[in-house]
Amino acid sequence: MLNPEDLYELDPDLPPLAGPVLLHSLDGFVDAGATARLVREHLLDSLEHRVVARFDVDSLIDYRARRPLMTYDRDHWASYDAPELVVHLLRDEAGSPFLMLTGPEPDRLWEGFAAAVRTLVKRLDVSLVVGFHGIPMGVPHTRPVGMTSHATRPELVTKSSWFDKVQVPGSAAALLELRLGESGHDAIGFAVHVPHYLSQSAYPAAALAALDAVVNATGLVLPTAALRDASAKTDAEIAEQVSGNEEVEKVVRALEQQYDAFAGAAERESLLAESQDMPTAEELAAQFERFLAEQDGPDSTQP
């Protein structure tokens, strides 16, 4: 039987930690607007950090499904970009330590991976586990960025869901949150609502919303200035591209009317006006699957 602690190596020189927060953001599943990628790149670029745990990617990753890049230099192989699934130790702007798990979503051993992370949570006395990503939704970019939160305890949920009960394609991150809850550990996740017509582009406004949600949930003092500047710049570029495009403007106006109709009729958060039918579980699953399939194509730079 697999020992979960065999799936990773922990730095023996790791300093003592007192109830740190563990953020997690994995590549490979839905991340509309590159929301999670922008957040983790921003944090790693802005804050002091070092790797304190490494997972066994040879056991967890299917290389033929996601072939790592290698560099060929004239007459020989010069380098190999090995995938890394690691836990970073960072310090926020107040000097408080926290952890962040990054890397490719495991292709294999999801239960083993979840069990391994649970042992890390226990060994490092993690107080709260937080995940975040973007999902494509029928919302306009001209309105405040929405969000759905989910958690292992109702008291942790801060943003209500717009749907009741559905089945969608699973992810290692979702399974991790489920298993953490079953083990009695606090975990929360944030799904940021990204306008569907911007889902293939980097959308800093969604990343900023995710980062603000992390700050509110954890109390960490995290930098936001760079993301705010990027968000303002991107919003201006989107407005310029939309302006004068009659077809796109029509779509945006329709989404605004739908958004405003509900906002004016009820004092609760939702994405749909009351007159709209709820999507079926099959429709939601199909939307997720289409979005995942599109990730294999070339990156789009236009909304």
C-alpha atoms as a PDB file:
ATOM      1  CA  MET A   1       0.000   0.000   0.000  1.00  0.00           C
ATOM      2  CA  LEU A   2       1.306   3.460  -0.941  1.00  0.00           C
ATOM      3  CA  ASN A   3       2.678   5.545   1.913  1.00  0.00           C
ATOM      4  CA  PRO A   4       1.533   9.137   1.150  1.00  0.00           C
ATOM      5  CA  GLU A   5       4.750  10.563   2.597  1.00  0.00           C
ATOM      6  CA  ASP A   6       6.707   8.693  -0.092  1.00  0.00           C
ATOM      7  CA  LEU A   7       5.224  11.048  -2.698  1.00  0.00           C
ATOM      8  CA  TYR A   8       7.174  14.085  -1.511  1.00  0.00           C
ATOM      9  CA  GLU A   9      10.406  15.194   0.121  1.00  0.00           C
ATOM     10  CA  LEU A  10      10.272  17.833   2.858  1.00  0.00           C
ATOM     11  CA  ASP A  11      13.172  20.197   3.475  1.00  0.00           C
ATOM     12  CA  PRO A  12      14.803  19.061   6.736  1.00  0.00           C
ATOM     13  CA  ASP A  13      15.853  22.670   7.416  1.00  0.00           C
ATOM     14  CA  LEU A  14      12.297  23.988   7.338  1.00  0.00           C
ATOM     15  CA  PRO A  15      11.912  26.498  10.187  1.00  0.00           C
ATOM     16  CA  PRO A  16       9.147  26.018  12.791  1.00  0.00           C
ATOM     17  CA  LEU A  17       5.786  27.321  11.583  1.00  0.00           C
ATOM     18  CA  ALA A  18       2.812  28.324  13.724  1.00  0.00           C
ATOM     19  CA  GLY A  19      -0.451  27.568  11.943  1.00  0.00           C
ATOM     20  CA  PRO A  20       0.497  28.794   8.459  1.00  0.00           C
ATOM     21  CA  VAL A  21      -1.969  29.174   5.600  1.00  0.00           C
ATOM     22  CA  LEU A  22      -1.484  26.898   2.565  1.00  0.00           C
ATOM     23  CA  LEU A  23      -2.513  28.308  -0.818  1.00  0.00           C
ATOM     24  CA  HIS A  24      -2.755  25.908  -3.750  1.00  0.00           C
ATOM     25  CA  SER A  25      -2.902  26.588  -7.488  1.00  0.00           C
ATOM     26  CA  LEU A  26      -2.349  23.796 -10.013  1.00  0.00           C
ATOM     27  CA  ASP A  27      -2.080  23.963 -13.815  1.00  0.00           C
ATOM     28  CA  GLY A  28      -4.223  21.696 -15.948  1.00  0.00           C
ATOM     29  CA  PHE A  29      -7.841  22.369 -15.017  1.00  0.00           C
ATOM     30  CA  VAL A  30     -10.193  25.284 -15.688  1.00  0.00           C
ATOM     31  CA  ASP A  31      -8.538  28.670 -15.192  1.00  0.00           C
ATOM     32  CA  ALA A  32     -10.467  31.234 -17.208  1.00  0.00           C
ATOM     33  CA  GLY A  33      -8.653  34.517 -17.661  1.00  0.00           C
ATOM     34  CA  ALA A  34      -5.441  32.868 -16.400  1.00  0.00           C
ATOM     35  CA  THR A  35      -6.714  33.940 -12.979  1.00  0.00           C
ATOM     36  CA  ALA A  36      -4.757  31.496 -10.835  1.00  0.00           C
ATOM     37  CA  ARG A  37      -1.618  31.749 -12.961  1.00  0.00           C
ATOM     38  CA  LEU A  38      -1.533  35.529 -12.648  1.00  0.00           C
ATOM     39  CA  VAL A  39      -1.970  35.352  -8.868  1.00  0.00           C
ATOM     40  CA  ARG A  40       0.786  32.828  -8.236  1.00  0.00           C
ATOM     41  CA  GLU A  41       3.209  34.519 -10.642  1.00  0.00           C
ATOM     42  CA  HIS A  42       2.498  37.837  -8.947  1.00  0.00           C
ATOM     43  CA  LEU A  43       3.147  36.421  -5.465  1.00  0.00           C
ATOM     44  CA  LEU A  44       6.337  34.601  -6.462  1.00  0.00           C
ATOM     45  CA  ASP A  45       7.630  37.713  -8.262  1.00  0.00           C
ATOM     46  CA  SER A  46       6.770  40.031  -5.368  1.00  0.00           C
ATOM     47  CA  LEU A  47       7.632  38.115  -2.206  1.00  0.00           C
ATOM     48  CA  GLU A  48      10.599  36.328  -0.687  1.00  0.00           C
ATOM     49  CA  HIS A  49      10.212  32.571  -1.167  1.00  0.00           C
ATOM     50  CA  ARG A  50      11.951  29.206  -1.328  1.00  0.00           C
ATOM     51  CA  VAL A  51      10.923  25.617  -2.072  1.00  0.00           C
ATOM     52  CA  VAL A  52      10.405  23.509   1.059  1.00  0.00           C
ATOM     53  CA  ALA A  53       8.760  20.376  -0.386  1.00  0.00           C
ATOM     54  CA  ARG A  54       8.944  18.582  -3.740  1.00  0.00           C
ATOM     55  CA  PHE A  55       6.501  15.980  -5.014  1.00  0.00           C
ATOM     56  CA  ASP A  56       7.536  12.926  -7.025  1.00  0.00           C
ATOM     57  CA  VAL A  57       6.425  14.034 -10.488  1.00  0.00           C
ATOM     58  CA  ASP A  58       7.594  10.766 -12.063  1.00  0.00           C
ATOM     59  CA  SER A  59       4.825   9.048 -10.088  1.00  0.00           C
ATOM     60  CA  LEU A  60       2.162  11.713 -10.608  1.00  0.00           C
ATOM     61  CA  ILE A  61       2.609  13.110 -14.135  1.00  0.00           C
ATOM     62  CA  ASP A  62       1.869  11.531 -17.529  1.00  0.00           C
ATOM     63  CA  TYR A  63       4.686  12.967 -19.632  1.00  0.00           C
ATOM     64  CA  ARG A  64       3.125  11.821 -22.901  1.00  0.00           C
ATOM     65  CA  ALA A  65      -0.016  13.833 -22.154  1.00  0.00           C
ATOM     66  CA  ARG A  66       1.975  16.989 -21.295  1.00  0.00           C
ATOM     67  CA  ARG A  67       5.407  16.597 -22.823  1.00  0.00           C
ATOM     68  CA  PRO A  68       8.039  18.767 -21.071  1.00  0.00           C
ATOM     69  CA  LEU A  69      10.078  21.042 -23.313  1.00  0.00           C
ATOM     70  CA  MET A  70      13.635  20.140 -24.244  1.00  0.00           C
ATOM     71  CA  THR A  71      16.175  22.358 -25.988  1.00  0.00           C
ATOM     72  CA  TYR A  72      18.129  21.043 -28.970  1.00  0.00           C
ATOM     73  CA  ASP A  73      21.298  23.043 -29.721  1.00  0.00           C
ATOM     74  CA  ARG A  74      22.725  22.340 -33.191  1.00  0.00           C
ATOM     75  CA  ASP A  75      24.055  18.816 -32.517  1.00  0.00           C
ATOM     76  CA  HIS A  76      23.034  17.876 -28.970  1.00  0.00           C
ATOM     77  CA  TRP A  77      20.294  18.050 -26.372  1.00  0.00           C
ATOM     78  CA  ALA A  78      21.204  21.018 -24.201  1.00  0.00           C
ATOM     79  CA  SER A  79      18.517  21.143 -21.507  1.00  0.00           C
ATOM     80  CA  TYR A  80      15.326  19.634 -20.138  1.00  0.00           C
ATOM     81  CA  ASP A  81      12.562  21.676 -18.463  1.00  0.00           C
ATOM     82  CA  ALA A  82      11.484  19.178 -15.841  1.00  0.00           C
ATOM     83  CA  PRO A  83       8.016  19.740 -14.383  1.00  0.00           C
ATOM     84  CA  GLU A  84       7.924  20.713 -10.725  1.00  0.00           C
ATOM     85  CA  LEU A  85       5.139  20.161  -8.237  1.00  0.00           C
ATOM     86  CA  VAL A  86       6.384  21.986  -5.160  1.00  0.00           C
ATOM     87  CA  VAL A  87       5.444  23.783  -1.970  1.00  0.00           C
ATOM     88  CA  HIS A  88       6.941  27.257  -1.541  1.00  0.00           C
ATOM     89  CA  LEU A  89       7.491  29.007   1.746  1.00  0.00           C
ATOM     90  CA  LEU A  90       6.761  32.722   1.354  1.00  0.00           C
ATOM     91  CA  ARG A  91       6.564  35.701   3.692  1.00  0.00           C
ATOM     92  CA  ASP A  92       3.940  38.378   3.315  1.00  0.00           C
ATOM     93  CA  GLU A  93       4.655  42.098   3.600  1.00  0.00           C
ATOM     94  CA  ALA A  94       4.335  41.903   7.379  1.00  0.00           C
ATOM     95  CA  GLY A  95       6.871  39.058   7.559  1.00  0.00           C
ATOM     96  CA  SER A  96       4.328  36.324   8.307  1.00  0.00           C
ATOM     97  CA  PRO A  97       5.137  32.959   6.690  1.00  0.00           C
ATOM     98  CA  PHE A  98       2.680  31.106   4.480  1.00  0.00           C
ATOM     99  CA  LEU A  99       2.855  28.206   2.021  1.00  0.00           C
ATOM    100  CA  MET A 100       1.843  27.836  -1.630  1.00  0.00           C
ATOM    101  CA  LEU A 101       1.542  24.600  -3.607  1.00  0.00           C
ATOM    102  CA  THR A 102       2.126  25.073  -7.350  1.00  0.00           C
ATOM    103  CA  GLY A 103       2.776  22.926 -10.390  1.00  0.00           C
ATOM    104  CA  PRO A 104       0.946  20.683 -12.859  1.00  0.00           C
ATOM    105  CA  GLU A 105      -2.212  18.934 -11.720  1.00  0.00           C
ATOM    106  CA  PRO A 106      -1.359  15.247 -11.168  1.00  0.00           C
ATOM    107  CA  ASP A 107      -2.483  12.897 -13.945  1.00  0.00           C
ATOM    108  CA  ARG A 108      -2.314   9.848 -11.658  1.00  0.00           C
ATOM    109  CA  LEU A 109      -2.793   8.901  -8.011  1.00  0.00           C
ATOM    110  CA  TRP A 110      -5.240  11.642  -7.120  1.00  0.00           C
ATOM    111  CA  GLU A 111      -6.157   9.892  -3.884  1.00  0.00           C
ATOM    112  CA  GLY A 112      -2.491   9.388  -3.079  1.00  0.00           C
ATOM    113  CA  PHE A 113      -1.751  13.034  -3.842  1.00  0.00           C
ATOM    114  CA  ALA A 114      -4.630  14.226  -1.643  1.00  0.00           C
ATOM    115  CA  ALA A 115      -3.453  11.960   1.152  1.00  0.00           C
ATOM    116  CA  ALA A 116       0.104  13.272   0.780  1.00  0.00           C
ATOM    117  CA  VAL A 117      -1.058  16.893   1.031  1.00  0.00           C
ATOM    118  CA  ARG A 118      -3.093  15.991   4.105  1.00  0.00           C
ATOM    119  CA  THR A 119       0.039  14.640   5.778  1.00  0.00           C
ATOM    120  CA  LEU A 120       1.811  17.910   4.947  1.00  0.00           C
ATOM    121  CA  VAL A 121      -1.093  19.870   6.407  1.00  0.00           C
ATOM    122  CA  LYS A 122      -0.796  17.879   9.596  1.00  0.00           C
ATOM    123  CA  ARG A 123       3.010  17.910   9.799  1.00  0.00           C
ATOM    124  CA  LEU A 124       3.212  21.673   9.189  1.00  0.00           C
ATOM    125  CA  ASP A 125       0.223  22.510  11.413  1.00  0.00           C
ATOM    126  CA  VAL A 126      -1.554  24.292   8.538  1.00  0.00           C
ATOM    127  CA  SER A 127      -4.533  26.284   9.813  1.00  0.00           C
ATOM    128  CA  LEU A 128      -6.356  26.885   6.519  1.00  0.00           C
ATOM    129  CA  VAL A 129      -6.024  25.618   2.928  1.00  0.00           C
ATOM    130  CA  VAL A 130      -7.142  28.014   0.166  1.00  0.00           C
ATOM    131  CA  GLY A 131      -7.521  27.406  -3.568  1.00  0.00           C
ATOM    132  CA  PHE A 132      -8.517  29.780  -6.375  1.00  0.00           C
ATOM    133  CA  HIS A 133      -9.118  29.775 -10.135  1.00  0.00           C
ATOM    134  CA  GLY A 134     -11.253  31.406 -12.815  1.00  0.00           C
ATOM    135  CA  ILE A 135     -14.358  29.993 -14.478  1.00  0.00           C
ATOM    136  CA  PRO A 136     -16.006  31.286 -17.684  1.00  0.00           C
ATOM    137  CA  MET A 137     -19.447  32.803 -17.064  1.00  0.00           C
ATOM    138  CA  GLY A 138     -22.107  34.805 -18.888  1.00  0.00           C
ATOM    139  CA  VAL A 139     -21.275  38.104 -17.181  1.00  0.00           C
ATOM    140  CA  PRO A 140     -20.174  41.495 -18.567  1.00  0.00           C
ATOM    141  CA  HIS A 141     -16.718  42.949 -17.997  1.00  0.00           C
ATOM    142  CA  THR A 142     -18.354  46.307 -17.210  1.00  0.00           C
ATOM    143  CA  ARG A 143     -19.707  45.121 -13.862  1.00  0.00           C
ATOM    144  CA  PRO A 144     -17.909  44.138 -10.613  1.00  0.00           C
ATOM    145  CA  VAL A 145     -16.117  40.786 -10.798  1.00  0.00           C
ATOM    146  CA  GLY A 146     -18.264  38.093  -9.203  1.00  0.00           C
ATOM    147  CA  MET A 147     -17.177  35.022  -7.313  1.00  0.00           C
ATOM    148  CA  THR A 148     -18.437  31.762  -5.852  1.00  0.00           C
ATOM    149  CA  SER A 149     -16.832  30.315  -2.749  1.00  0.00           C
ATOM    150  CA  HIS A 150     -17.047  26.772  -1.417  1.00  0.00           C
ATOM    151  CA  ALA A 151     -15.605  25.331   1.746  1.00  0.00           C
ATOM    152  CA  THR A 152     -15.425  22.371   4.085  1.00  0.00           C
ATOM    153  CA  ARG A 153     -17.631  24.176   6.644  1.00  0.00           C
ATOM    154  CA  PRO A 154     -20.613  26.455   5.906  1.00  0.00           C
ATOM    155  CA  GLU A 155     -19.154  29.133   8.184  1.00  0.00           C
ATOM    156  CA  LEU A 156     -16.217  29.567   5.803  1.00  0.00           C
ATOM    157  CA  VAL A 157     -18.342  30.276   2.716  1.00  0.00           C
ATOM    158  CA  THR A 158     -18.331  33.988   1.880  1.00  0.00           C
ATOM    159  CA  LYS A 159     -19.829  34.121  -1.630  1.00  0.00           C
ATOM    160  CA  SER A 160     -22.965  32.102  -2.358  1.00  0.00           C
ATOM    161  CA  SER A 161     -23.320  29.849  -5.394  1.00  0.00           C
ATOM    162  CA  TRP A 162     -25.731  30.613  -8.238  1.00  0.00           C
ATOM    163  CA  PHE A 163     -26.629  26.980  -8.799  1.00  0.00           C
ATOM    164  CA  ASP A 164     -27.853  24.246  -6.500  1.00  0.00           C
ATOM    165  CA  LYS A 165     -26.579  20.733  -7.281  1.00  0.00           C
ATOM    166  CA  VAL A 166     -24.752  19.742 -10.456  1.00  0.00           C
ATOM    167  CA  GLN A 167     -22.124  17.286 -11.638  1.00  0.00           C
ATOM    168  CA  VAL A 168     -19.068  18.636 -13.474  1.00  0.00           C
ATOM    169  CA  PRO A 169     -15.680  17.182 -14.438  1.00  0.00           C
ATOM    170  CA  GLY A 170     -13.548  16.737 -11.349  1.00  0.00           C
ATOM    171  CA  SER A 171     -10.104  18.068 -10.507  1.00  0.00           C
ATOM    172  CA  ALA A 172      -7.309  17.154  -8.123  1.00  0.00           C
ATOM    173  CA  ALA A 173      -7.853  20.463  -6.309  1.00  0.00           C
ATOM    174  CA  ALA A 174     -11.553  19.753  -5.783  1.00  0.00           C
ATOM    175  CA  LEU A 175     -10.815  16.235  -4.537  1.00  0.00           C
ATOM    176  CA  LEU A 176      -8.196  17.645  -2.173  1.00  0.00           C
ATOM    177  CA  GLU A 177     -10.733  20.058  -0.668  1.00  0.00           C
ATOM    178  CA  LEU A 178     -13.265  17.232  -0.290  1.00  0.00           C
ATOM    179  CA  ARG A 179     -10.787  14.925   1.454  1.00  0.00           C
ATOM    180  CA  LEU A 180      -9.514  17.718   3.702  1.00  0.00           C
ATOM    181  CA  GLY A 181     -13.054  18.365   4.861  1.00  0.00           C
ATOM    182  CA  GLU A 182     -13.621  14.679   5.538  1.00  0.00           C
ATOM    183  CA  SER A 183     -10.461  14.704   7.668  1.00  0.00           C
ATOM    184  CA  GLY A 184     -11.593  17.719   9.692  1.00  0.00           C
ATOM    185  CA  HIS A 185      -9.289  20.316   8.116  1.00  0.00           C
ATOM    186  CA  ASP A 186     -10.546  23.773   7.129  1.00  0.00           C
ATOM    187  CA  ALA A 187     -10.343  24.491   3.404  1.00  0.00           C
ATOM    188  CA  ILE A 188     -11.927  27.056   1.133  1.00  0.00           C
ATOM    189  CA  GLY A 189     -11.955  27.651  -2.611  1.00  0.00           C
ATOM    190  CA  PHE A 190     -12.737  30.696  -4.743  1.00  0.00           C
ATOM    191  CA  ALA A 191     -14.095  30.414  -8.299  1.00  0.00           C
ATOM    192  CA  VAL A 192     -13.833  33.849  -9.917  1.00  0.00           C
ATOM    193  CA  HIS A 193     -16.419  34.640 -12.600  1.00  0.00           C
ATOM    194  CA  VAL A 194     -14.648  35.644 -15.822  1.00  0.00           C
ATOM    195  CA  PRO A 195     -16.662  36.973 -18.796  1.00  0.00           C
ATOM    196  CA  HIS A 196     -16.837  34.054 -21.203  1.00  0.00           C
ATOM    197  CA  TYR A 197     -15.616  36.197 -24.111  1.00  0.00           C
ATOM    198  CA  LEU A 198     -12.412  36.937 -22.155  1.00  0.00           C
ATOM    199  CA  SER A 199     -11.807  33.430 -20.819  1.00  0.00           C
ATOM    200  CA  GLN A 200      -8.942  32.681 -23.212  1.00  0.00           C
ATOM    201  CA  SER A 201      -7.130  35.951 -22.450  1.00  0.00           C
ATOM    202  CA  ALA A 202      -5.188  36.979 -19.375  1.00  0.00           C
ATOM    203  CA  TYR A 203      -7.665  38.998 -17.289  1.00  0.00           C
ATOM    204  CA  PRO A 204      -5.918  40.734 -14.363  1.00  0.00           C
ATOM    205  CA  ALA A 205      -9.208  42.008 -12.885  1.00  0.00           C
ATOM    206  CA  ALA A 206     -10.141  38.412 -12.054  1.00  0.00           C
ATOM    207  CA  ALA A 207      -6.712  37.758 -10.526  1.00  0.00           C
ATOM    208  CA  LEU A 208      -7.060  40.880  -8.399  1.00  0.00           C
ATOM    209  CA  ALA A 209     -10.476  39.707  -7.182  1.00  0.00           C
ATOM    210  CA  ALA A 210      -9.001  36.304  -6.297  1.00  0.00           C
ATOM    211  CA  LEU A 211      -6.117  37.909  -4.417  1.00  0.00           C
ATOM    212  CA  ASP A 212      -8.463  40.190  -2.485  1.00  0.00           C
ATOM    213  CA  ALA A 213     -10.544  37.145  -1.524  1.00  0.00           C
ATOM    214  CA  VAL A 214      -7.420  35.354  -0.278  1.00  0.00           C
ATOM    215  CA  VAL A 215      -6.455  38.391   1.796  1.00  0.00           C
ATOM    216  CA  ASN A 216      -9.928  38.621   3.339  1.00  0.00           C
ATOM    217  CA  ALA A 217     -10.016  34.911   4.139  1.00  0.00           C
ATOM    218  CA  THR A 218      -6.525  34.608   5.581  1.00  0.00           C
ATOM    219  CA  GLY A 219      -5.497  38.007   6.949  1.00  0.00           C
ATOM    220  CA  LEU A 220      -2.252  37.861   4.985  1.00  0.00           C
ATOM    221  CA  VAL A 221      -0.735  41.198   3.949  1.00  0.00           C
ATOM    222  CA  LEU A 222      -0.197  40.689   0.223  1.00  0.00           C
ATOM    223  CA  PRO A 223       0.871  43.213  -2.435  1.00  0.00           C
ATOM    224  CA  THR A 224      -1.784  44.240  -4.958  1.00  0.00           C
ATOM    225  CA  ALA A 225      -0.394  47.337  -6.701  1.00  0.00           C
ATOM    226  CA  ALA A 226       1.040  45.544  -9.741  1.00  0.00           C
ATOM    227  CA  LEU A 227      -2.184  43.626 -10.355  1.00  0.00           C
ATOM    228  CA  ARG A 228      -4.256  46.799  -9.947  1.00  0.00           C
ATOM    229  CA  ASP A 229      -2.117  48.574 -12.538  1.00  0.00           C
ATOM    230  CA  ALA A 230      -2.350  45.609 -14.932  1.00  0.00           C
ATOM    231  CA  SER A 231      -6.112  45.438 -14.395  1.00  0.00           C
ATOM    232  CA  ALA A 232      -6.607  49.121 -15.197  1.00  0.00           C
ATOM    233  CA  LYS A 233      -4.475  48.836 -18.323  1.00  0.00           C
ATOM    234  CA  THR A 234      -6.244  45.703 -19.557  1.00  0.00           C
ATOM    235  CA  ASP A 235      -9.695  47.152 -18.861  1.00  0.00           C
ATOM    236  CA  ALA A 236      -8.801  50.206 -20.954  1.00  0.00           C
ATOM    237  CA  GLU A 237      -7.601  47.976 -23.809  1.00  0.00           C
ATOM    238  CA  ILE A 238     -10.805  45.908 -23.668  1.00  0.00           C
ATOM    239  CA  ALA A 239     -12.955  49.047 -23.720  1.00  0.00           C
ATOM    240  CA  GLU A 240     -11.063  50.308 -26.770  1.00  0.00           C
ATOM    241  CA  GLN A 241     -11.499  47.020 -28.647  1.00  0.00           C
ATOM    242  CA  VAL A 242     -15.189  46.727 -27.769  1.00  0.00           C
ATOM    243  CA  SER A 243     -15.957  50.339 -28.684  1.00  0.00           C
ATOM    244  CA  GLY A 244     -17.210  50.595 -32.240  1.00  0.00           C
ATOM    245  CA  ASN A 245     -17.770  46.848 -32.632  1.00  0.00           C
ATOM    246  CA  GLU A 246     -21.543  46.802 -32.910  1.00  0.00           C
ATOM    247  CA  GLU A 247     -21.895  43.033 -32.540  1.00  0.00           C
ATOM    248  CA  VAL A 248     -19.757  42.851 -29.407  1.00  0.00           C
ATOM    249  CA  GLU A 249     -21.388  45.933 -27.903  1.00  0.00           C
ATOM    250  CA  LYS A 250     -24.775  44.299 -28.382  1.00  0.00           C
ATOM    251  CA  VAL A 251     -23.647  41.186 -26.501  1.00  0.00           C
ATOM    252  CA  VAL A 252     -22.192  43.251 -23.658  1.00  0.00           C
ATOM    253  CA  ARG A 253     -25.385  45.350 -23.358  1.00  0.00           C
ATOM    254  CA  ALA A 254     -27.489  42.193 -23.166  1.00  0.00           C
ATOM    255  CA  LEU A 255     -25.276  40.802 -20.408  1.00  0.00           C
ATOM    256  CA  GLU A 256     -25.454  44.129 -18.560  1.00  0.00           C
ATOM    257  CA  GLN A 257     -29.246  44.115 -18.715  1.00  0.00           C
ATOM    258  CA  GLN A 258     -29.383  40.559 -17.407  1.00  0.00           C
ATOM    259  CA  TYR A 259     -26.929  41.364 -14.619  1.00  0.00           C
ATOM    260  CA  ASP A 260     -28.707  44.583 -13.629  1.00  0.00           C
ATOM    261  CA  ALA A 261     -32.160  42.985 -13.792  1.00  0.00           C
ATOM    262  CA  PHE A 262     -31.267  40.562 -11.077  1.00  0.00           C
ATOM    263  CA  ALA A 263     -29.198  43.003  -9.028  1.00  0.00           C
ATOM    264  CA  GLY A 264     -32.130  45.372  -8.898  1.00  0.00           C
ATOM    265  CA  ALA A 265     -34.682  42.678  -8.081  1.00  0.00           C
ATOM    266  CA  ALA A 266     -32.936  40.869  -5.229  1.00  0.00           C
ATOM    267  CA  GLU A 267     -30.432  41.589  -2.496  1.00  0.00           C
ATOM    268  CA  ARG A 268     -28.451  38.431  -2.938  1.00  0.00           C
ATOM    269  CA  GLU A 269     -25.606  37.563  -5.285  1.00  0.00           C
ATOM    270  CA  SER A 270     -26.344  35.687  -8.465  1.00  0.00           C
ATOM    271  CA  LEU A 271     -25.384  35.611 -12.093  1.00  0.00           C
ATOM    272  CA  LEU A 272     -28.809  35.029 -13.590  1.00  0.00           C
ATOM    273  CA  ALA A 273     -31.961  37.108 -13.775  1.00  0.00           C
ATOM    274  CA  GLU A 274     -35.024  35.405 -12.296  1.00  0.00           C
ATOM    275  CA  SER A 275     -36.531  34.996 -15.772  1.00  0.00           C
ATOM    276  CA  GLN A 276     -33.631  32.853 -16.929  1.00  0.00           C
ATOM    277  CA  ASP A 277     -33.732  29.052 -16.818  1.00  0.00           C
ATOM    278  CA  MET A 278     -31.026  27.347 -14.791  1.00  0.00           C
ATOM    279  CA  PRO A 279     -28.567  25.320 -16.898  1.00  0.00           C
ATOM    280  CA  THR A 280     -28.774  21.591 -16.540  1.00  0.00           C
ATOM    281  CA  ALA A 281     -25.939  19.529 -15.077  1.00  0.00           C
ATOM    282  CA  GLU A 282     -25.216  18.161 -18.553  1.00  0.00           C
ATOM    283  CA  GLU A 283     -24.950  21.685 -19.998  1.00  0.00           C
ATOM    284  CA  LEU A 284     -22.552  22.794 -17.259  1.00  0.00           C
ATOM    285  CA  ALA A 285     -20.401  19.695 -17.719  1.00  0.00           C
ATOM    286  CA  ALA A 286     -20.319  20.258 -21.476  1.00  0.00           C
ATOM    287  CA  GLN A 287     -19.211  23.888 -20.955  1.00  0.00           C
ATOM    288  CA  PHE A 288     -16.353  22.808 -18.705  1.00  0.00           C
ATOM    289  CA  GLU A 289     -15.272  20.099 -21.148  1.00  0.00           C
ATOM    290  CA  ARG A 290     -15.311  22.541 -24.076  1.00  0.00           C
ATOM    291  CA  PHE A 291     -13.268  25.036 -22.096  1.00  0.00           C
ATOM    292  CA  LEU A 292     -10.705  22.367 -21.174  1.00  0.00           C
ATOM    293  CA  ALA A 293     -10.447  21.234 -24.803  1.00  0.00           C
ATOM    294  CA  GLU A 294      -9.755  24.815 -25.888  1.00  0.00           C
ATOM    295  CA  GLN A 295      -6.747  24.976 -23.567  1.00  0.00           C
ATOM    296  CA  ASP A 296      -4.848  22.717 -25.989  1.00  0.00           C
ATOM    297  CA  GLY A 297      -5.098  25.339 -28.723  1.00  0.00           C
ATOM    298  CA  PRO A 298      -2.936  28.435 -29.217  1.00  0.00           C
ATOM    299  CA  ASP A 299      -3.314  31.116 -26.574  1.00  0.00           C
ATOM    300  CA  SER A 300      -5.596  33.960 -27.564  1.00  0.00           C
ATOM    301  CA  THR A 301      -4.502  37.517 -27.024  1.00  0.00           C
ATOM    302  CA  GLN A 302      -7.792  39.178 -27.994  1.00  0.00           C
ATOM    303  CA  PRO A 303     -11.053  39.332 -26.088  1.00  0.00           C
END
